[in-house]
Amino acid sequence: MVTERYRFECRDVADCDVVVYSEFEESIYEAARSHLKDVHGRDVSDEDIEPYIETL
């Protein structure tokens, strides 16, 4: 049973309202990196994303 969830809220640009949830920590990083690259054209590392990942 999964007891933790992870949340990423995109704050790359003011009008982006994407929020990603995952039950798996590695998945949230992958989803956040994909969103930032595909939508905003930014290549980022896990270290860049880490401050924006929230454990719920």
PDB file of N, CA and C in Angstrom:
ATOM      1  N   MET A   1       0.840  -1.189   0.000  1.00  0.00           N
ATOM      2  CA  MET A   1       0.000   0.000   0.000  1.00  0.00           C
ATOM      3  C   MET A   1       0.882   1.248   0.000  1.00  0.00           C
ATOM      4  N   VAL A   2       0.626   2.140  -0.906  1.00  0.00           N
ATOM      5  CA  VAL A   2       1.395   3.375  -1.011  1.00  0.00           C
ATOM      6  C   VAL A   2       0.839   4.383  -0.015  1.00  0.00           C
ATOM      7  N   THR A   3       1.735   4.934   0.790  1.00  0.00           N
ATOM      8  CA  THR A   3       1.280   5.893   1.794  1.00  0.00           C
ATOM      9  C   THR A   3       1.676   7.321   1.459  1.00  0.00           C
ATOM     10  N   GLU A   4       2.635   7.492   0.549  1.00  0.00           N
ATOM     11  CA  GLU A   4       3.052   8.835   0.165  1.00  0.00           C
ATOM     12  C   GLU A   4       2.664   9.106  -1.276  1.00  0.00           C
ATOM     13  N   ARG A   5       2.410  10.358  -1.551  1.00  0.00           N
ATOM     14  CA  ARG A   5       2.192  10.826  -2.921  1.00  0.00           C
ATOM     15  C   ARG A   5       3.093  12.016  -3.124  1.00  0.00           C
ATOM     16  N   TYR A   6       3.397  12.282  -4.372  1.00  0.00           N
ATOM     17  CA  TYR A   6       4.274  13.392  -4.713  1.00  0.00           C
ATOM     18  C   TYR A   6       3.538  14.326  -5.660  1.00  0.00           C
ATOM     19  N   ARG A   7       3.879  15.593  -5.567  1.00  0.00           N
ATOM     20  CA  ARG A   7       3.192  16.616  -6.354  1.00  0.00           C
ATOM     21  C   ARG A   7       4.225  17.570  -6.949  1.00  0.00           C
ATOM     22  N   PHE A   8       4.045  17.904  -8.228  1.00  0.00           N
ATOM     23  CA  PHE A   8       4.848  18.912  -8.912  1.00  0.00           C
ATOM     24  C   PHE A   8       3.898  19.928  -9.506  1.00  0.00           C
ATOM     25  N   GLU A   9       4.089  21.181  -9.168  1.00  0.00           N
ATOM     26  CA  GLU A   9       3.295  22.267  -9.743  1.00  0.00           C
ATOM     27  C   GLU A   9       4.229  23.127 -10.573  1.00  0.00           C
ATOM     28  N   CYS A  10       3.935  23.240 -11.856  1.00  0.00           N
ATOM     29  CA  CYS A  10       4.799  24.010 -12.744  1.00  0.00           C
ATOM     30  C   CYS A  10       4.695  25.488 -12.432  1.00  0.00           C
ATOM     31  N   ARG A  11       5.835  26.076 -12.194  1.00  0.00           N
ATOM     32  CA  ARG A  11       5.912  27.523 -11.948  1.00  0.00           C
ATOM     33  C   ARG A  11       6.885  28.173 -12.922  1.00  0.00           C
ATOM     34  N   ASP A  12       7.079  27.483 -14.065  1.00  0.00           N
ATOM     35  CA  ASP A  12       8.040  27.968 -15.052  1.00  0.00           C
ATOM     36  C   ASP A  12       7.591  29.278 -15.681  1.00  0.00           C
ATOM     37  N   VAL A  13       6.318  29.374 -15.958  1.00  0.00           N
ATOM     38  CA  VAL A  13       5.747  30.608 -16.496  1.00  0.00           C
ATOM     39  C   VAL A  13       4.449  30.892 -15.762  1.00  0.00           C
ATOM     40  N   ALA A  14       4.050  32.128 -15.731  1.00  0.00           N
ATOM     41  CA  ALA A  14       2.891  32.549 -14.934  1.00  0.00           C
ATOM     42  C   ALA A  14       1.585  31.890 -15.377  1.00  0.00           C
ATOM     43  N   ASP A  15       1.412  31.633 -16.666  1.00  0.00           N
ATOM     44  CA  ASP A  15       0.123  31.117 -17.129  1.00  0.00           C
ATOM     45  C   ASP A  15       0.077  29.593 -17.246  1.00  0.00           C
ATOM     46  N   CYS A  16       1.089  28.891 -16.771  1.00  0.00           N
ATOM     47  CA  CYS A  16       1.079  27.428 -16.811  1.00  0.00           C
ATOM     48  C   CYS A  16       0.394  26.911 -15.558  1.00  0.00           C
ATOM     49  N   ASP A  17      -0.627  26.089 -15.755  1.00  0.00           N
ATOM     50  CA  ASP A  17      -1.392  25.593 -14.606  1.00  0.00           C
ATOM     51  C   ASP A  17      -1.305  24.075 -14.451  1.00  0.00           C
ATOM     52  N   VAL A  18      -0.186  23.499 -14.863  1.00  0.00           N
ATOM     53  CA  VAL A  18      -0.004  22.054 -14.786  1.00  0.00           C
ATOM     54  C   VAL A  18       0.394  21.639 -13.371  1.00  0.00           C
ATOM     55  N   VAL A  19      -0.320  20.640 -12.858  1.00  0.00           N
ATOM     56  CA  VAL A  19       0.012  20.018 -11.580  1.00  0.00           C
ATOM     57  C   VAL A  19       0.056  18.518 -11.834  1.00  0.00           C
ATOM     58  N   VAL A  20       1.150  17.877 -11.439  1.00  0.00           N
ATOM     59  CA  VAL A  20       1.336  16.446 -11.646  1.00  0.00           C
ATOM     60  C   VAL A  20       1.409  15.765 -10.286  1.00  0.00           C
ATOM     61  N   TYR A  21       0.693  14.649 -10.151  1.00  0.00           N
ATOM     62  CA  TYR A  21       0.725  13.830  -8.939  1.00  0.00           C
ATOM     63  C   TYR A  21       1.246  12.449  -9.298  1.00  0.00           C
ATOM     64  N   SER A  22       1.971  11.842  -8.366  1.00  0.00           N
ATOM     65  CA  SER A  22       2.427  10.471  -8.565  1.00  0.00           C
ATOM     66  C   SER A  22       2.580   9.783  -7.220  1.00  0.00           C
ATOM     67  N   GLU A  23       2.412   8.482  -7.232  1.00  0.00           N
ATOM     68  CA  GLU A  23       2.647   7.691  -6.033  1.00  0.00           C
ATOM     69  C   GLU A  23       4.098   7.235  -5.961  1.00  0.00           C
ATOM     70  N   PHE A  24       4.868   7.487  -7.011  1.00  0.00           N
ATOM     71  CA  PHE A  24       6.250   7.035  -7.085  1.00  0.00           C
ATOM     72  C   PHE A  24       7.181   8.223  -7.289  1.00  0.00           C
ATOM     73  N   GLU A  25       8.178   8.317  -6.441  1.00  0.00           N
ATOM     74  CA  GLU A  25       9.088   9.470  -6.479  1.00  0.00           C
ATOM     75  C   GLU A  25       9.815   9.584  -7.817  1.00  0.00           C
ATOM     76  N   GLU A  26      10.313   8.464  -8.357  1.00  0.00           N
ATOM     77  CA  GLU A  26      11.054   8.541  -9.614  1.00  0.00           C
ATOM     78  C   GLU A  26      10.148   8.979 -10.759  1.00  0.00           C
ATOM     79  N   SER A  27       8.865   8.629 -10.706  1.00  0.00           N
ATOM     80  CA  SER A  27       7.926   9.021 -11.755  1.00  0.00           C
ATOM     81  C   SER A  27       7.639  10.508 -11.751  1.00  0.00           C
ATOM     82  N   ILE A  28       7.593  11.110 -10.587  1.00  0.00           N
ATOM     83  CA  ILE A  28       7.286  12.543 -10.526  1.00  0.00           C
ATOM     84  C   ILE A  28       8.414  13.358 -11.155  1.00  0.00           C
ATOM     85  N   TYR A  29       9.650  12.929 -10.929  1.00  0.00           N
ATOM     86  CA  TYR A  29      10.783  13.625 -11.543  1.00  0.00           C
ATOM     87  C   TYR A  29      10.760  13.471 -13.058  1.00  0.00           C
ATOM     88  N   GLU A  30      10.477  12.274 -13.526  1.00  0.00           N
ATOM     89  CA  GLU A  30      10.408  12.032 -14.962  1.00  0.00           C
ATOM     90  C   GLU A  30       9.289  12.851 -15.605  1.00  0.00           C
ATOM     91  N   ALA A  31       8.131  12.886 -14.977  1.00  0.00           N
ATOM     92  CA  ALA A  31       7.002  13.645 -15.519  1.00  0.00           C
ATOM     93  C   ALA A  31       7.298  15.144 -15.523  1.00  0.00           C
ATOM     94  N   ALA A  32       7.918  15.634 -14.470  1.00  0.00           N
ATOM     95  CA  ALA A  32       8.249  17.059 -14.401  1.00  0.00           C
ATOM     96  C   ALA A  32       9.279  17.429 -15.471  1.00  0.00           C
ATOM     97  N   ARG A  33      10.320  16.589 -15.621  1.00  0.00           N
ATOM     98  CA  ARG A  33      11.326  16.853 -16.665  1.00  0.00           C
ATOM     99  C   ARG A  33      10.685  16.845 -18.044  1.00  0.00           C
ATOM    100  N   SER A  34       9.824  15.864 -18.305  1.00  0.00           N
ATOM    101  CA  SER A  34       9.158  15.773 -19.612  1.00  0.00           C
ATOM    102  C   SER A  34       8.296  17.001 -19.875  1.00  0.00           C
ATOM    103  N   HIS A  35       7.526  17.428 -18.885  1.00  0.00           N
ATOM    104  CA  HIS A  35       6.681  18.608 -19.051  1.00  0.00           C
ATOM    105  C   HIS A  35       7.525  19.835 -19.368  1.00  0.00           C
ATOM    106  N   LEU A  36       8.570  20.052 -18.582  1.00  0.00           N
ATOM    107  CA  LEU A  36       9.396  21.247 -18.786  1.00  0.00           C
ATOM    108  C   LEU A  36      10.085  21.233 -20.145  1.00  0.00           C
ATOM    109  N   LYS A  37      10.497  20.054 -20.621  1.00  0.00           N
ATOM    110  CA  LYS A  37      11.142  19.974 -21.924  1.00  0.00           C
ATOM    111  C   LYS A  37      10.131  20.109 -23.064  1.00  0.00           C
ATOM    112  N   ASP A  38       9.043  19.342 -22.985  1.00  0.00           N
ATOM    113  CA  ASP A  38       8.069  19.321 -24.083  1.00  0.00           C
ATOM    114  C   ASP A  38       7.265  20.610 -24.203  1.00  0.00           C
ATOM    115  N   VAL A  39       6.911  21.210 -23.078  1.00  0.00           N
ATOM    116  CA  VAL A  39       6.041  22.384 -23.104  1.00  0.00           C
ATOM    117  C   VAL A  39       6.833  23.690 -23.090  1.00  0.00           C
ATOM    118  N   HIS A  40       7.895  23.718 -22.288  1.00  0.00           N
ATOM    119  CA  HIS A  40       8.630  24.970 -22.106  1.00  0.00           C
ATOM    120  C   HIS A  40      10.012  24.974 -22.757  1.00  0.00           C
ATOM    121  N   GLY A  41      10.422  23.845 -23.348  1.00  0.00           N
ATOM    122  CA  GLY A  41      11.706  23.776 -24.043  1.00  0.00           C
ATOM    123  C   GLY A  41      12.915  23.849 -23.127  1.00  0.00           C
ATOM    124  N   ARG A  42      12.756  23.439 -21.879  1.00  0.00           N
ATOM    125  CA  ARG A  42      13.849  23.514 -20.900  1.00  0.00           C
ATOM    126  C   ARG A  42      14.336  22.118 -20.547  1.00  0.00           C
ATOM    127  N   ASP A  43      15.646  21.913 -20.623  1.00  0.00           N
ATOM    128  CA  ASP A  43      16.264  20.687 -20.134  1.00  0.00           C
ATOM    129  C   ASP A  43      16.718  20.949 -18.711  1.00  0.00           C
ATOM    130  N   VAL A  44      16.196  20.190 -17.773  1.00  0.00           N
ATOM    131  CA  VAL A  44      16.521  20.393 -16.363  1.00  0.00           C
ATOM    132  C   VAL A  44      16.946  19.071 -15.742  1.00  0.00           C
ATOM    133  N   SER A  45      17.668  19.177 -14.636  1.00  0.00           N
ATOM    134  CA  SER A  45      18.114  18.001 -13.901  1.00  0.00           C
ATOM    135  C   SER A  45      17.184  17.759 -12.714  1.00  0.00           C
ATOM    136  N   ASP A  46      17.350  16.611 -12.086  1.00  0.00           N
ATOM    137  CA  ASP A  46      16.575  16.322 -10.882  1.00  0.00           C
ATOM    138  C   ASP A  46      16.863  17.355  -9.795  1.00  0.00           C
ATOM    139  N   GLU A  47      18.095  17.820  -9.733  1.00  0.00           N
ATOM    140  CA  GLU A  47      18.462  18.832  -8.736  1.00  0.00           C
ATOM    141  C   GLU A  47      17.715  20.143  -8.973  1.00  0.00           C
ATOM    142  N   ASP A  48      17.477  20.480 -10.237  1.00  0.00           N
ATOM    143  CA  ASP A  48      16.721  21.689 -10.563  1.00  0.00           C
ATOM    144  C   ASP A  48      15.256  21.555 -10.151  1.00  0.00           C
ATOM    145  N   ILE A  49      14.724  20.363 -10.286  1.00  0.00           N
ATOM    146  CA  ILE A  49      13.308  20.109 -10.008  1.00  0.00           C
ATOM    147  C   ILE A  49      13.035  19.893  -8.524  1.00  0.00           C
ATOM    148  N   GLU A  50      14.002  19.362  -7.813  1.00  0.00           N
ATOM    149  CA  GLU A  50      13.804  18.948  -6.417  1.00  0.00           C
ATOM    150  C   GLU A  50      13.088  19.965  -5.533  1.00  0.00           C
ATOM    151  N   PRO A  51      13.418  21.267  -5.606  1.00  0.00           N
ATOM    152  CA  PRO A  51      12.711  22.224  -4.739  1.00  0.00           C
ATOM    153  C   PRO A  51      11.214  22.348  -5.030  1.00  0.00           C
ATOM    154  N   TYR A  52      10.779  21.869  -6.185  1.00  0.00           N
ATOM    155  CA  TYR A  52       9.390  22.005  -6.587  1.00  0.00           C
ATOM    156  C   TYR A  52       8.571  20.724  -6.385  1.00  0.00           C
ATOM    157  N   ILE A  53       9.216  19.680  -5.874  1.00  0.00           N
ATOM    158  CA  ILE A  53       8.521  18.424  -5.584  1.00  0.00           C
ATOM    159  C   ILE A  53       8.062  18.468  -4.140  1.00  0.00           C
ATOM    160  N   GLU A  54       6.795  18.233  -3.954  1.00  0.00           N
ATOM    161  CA  GLU A  54       6.209  18.263  -2.608  1.00  0.00           C
ATOM    162  C   GLU A  54       5.728  16.851  -2.245  1.00  0.00           C
ATOM    163  N   THR A  55       6.079  16.394  -1.053  1.00  0.00           N
ATOM    164  CA  THR A  55       5.589  15.118  -0.561  1.00  0.00           C
ATOM    165  C   THR A  55       4.278  15.358   0.169  1.00  0.00           C
ATOM    166  N   LEU A  56       3.259  14.618  -0.211  1.00  0.00           N
ATOM    167  CA  LEU A  56       1.943  14.783   0.393  1.00  0.00           C
ATOM    168  C   LEU A  56       1.673  13.680   1.408  1.00  0.00           C
TER     169      LEU A  56
END
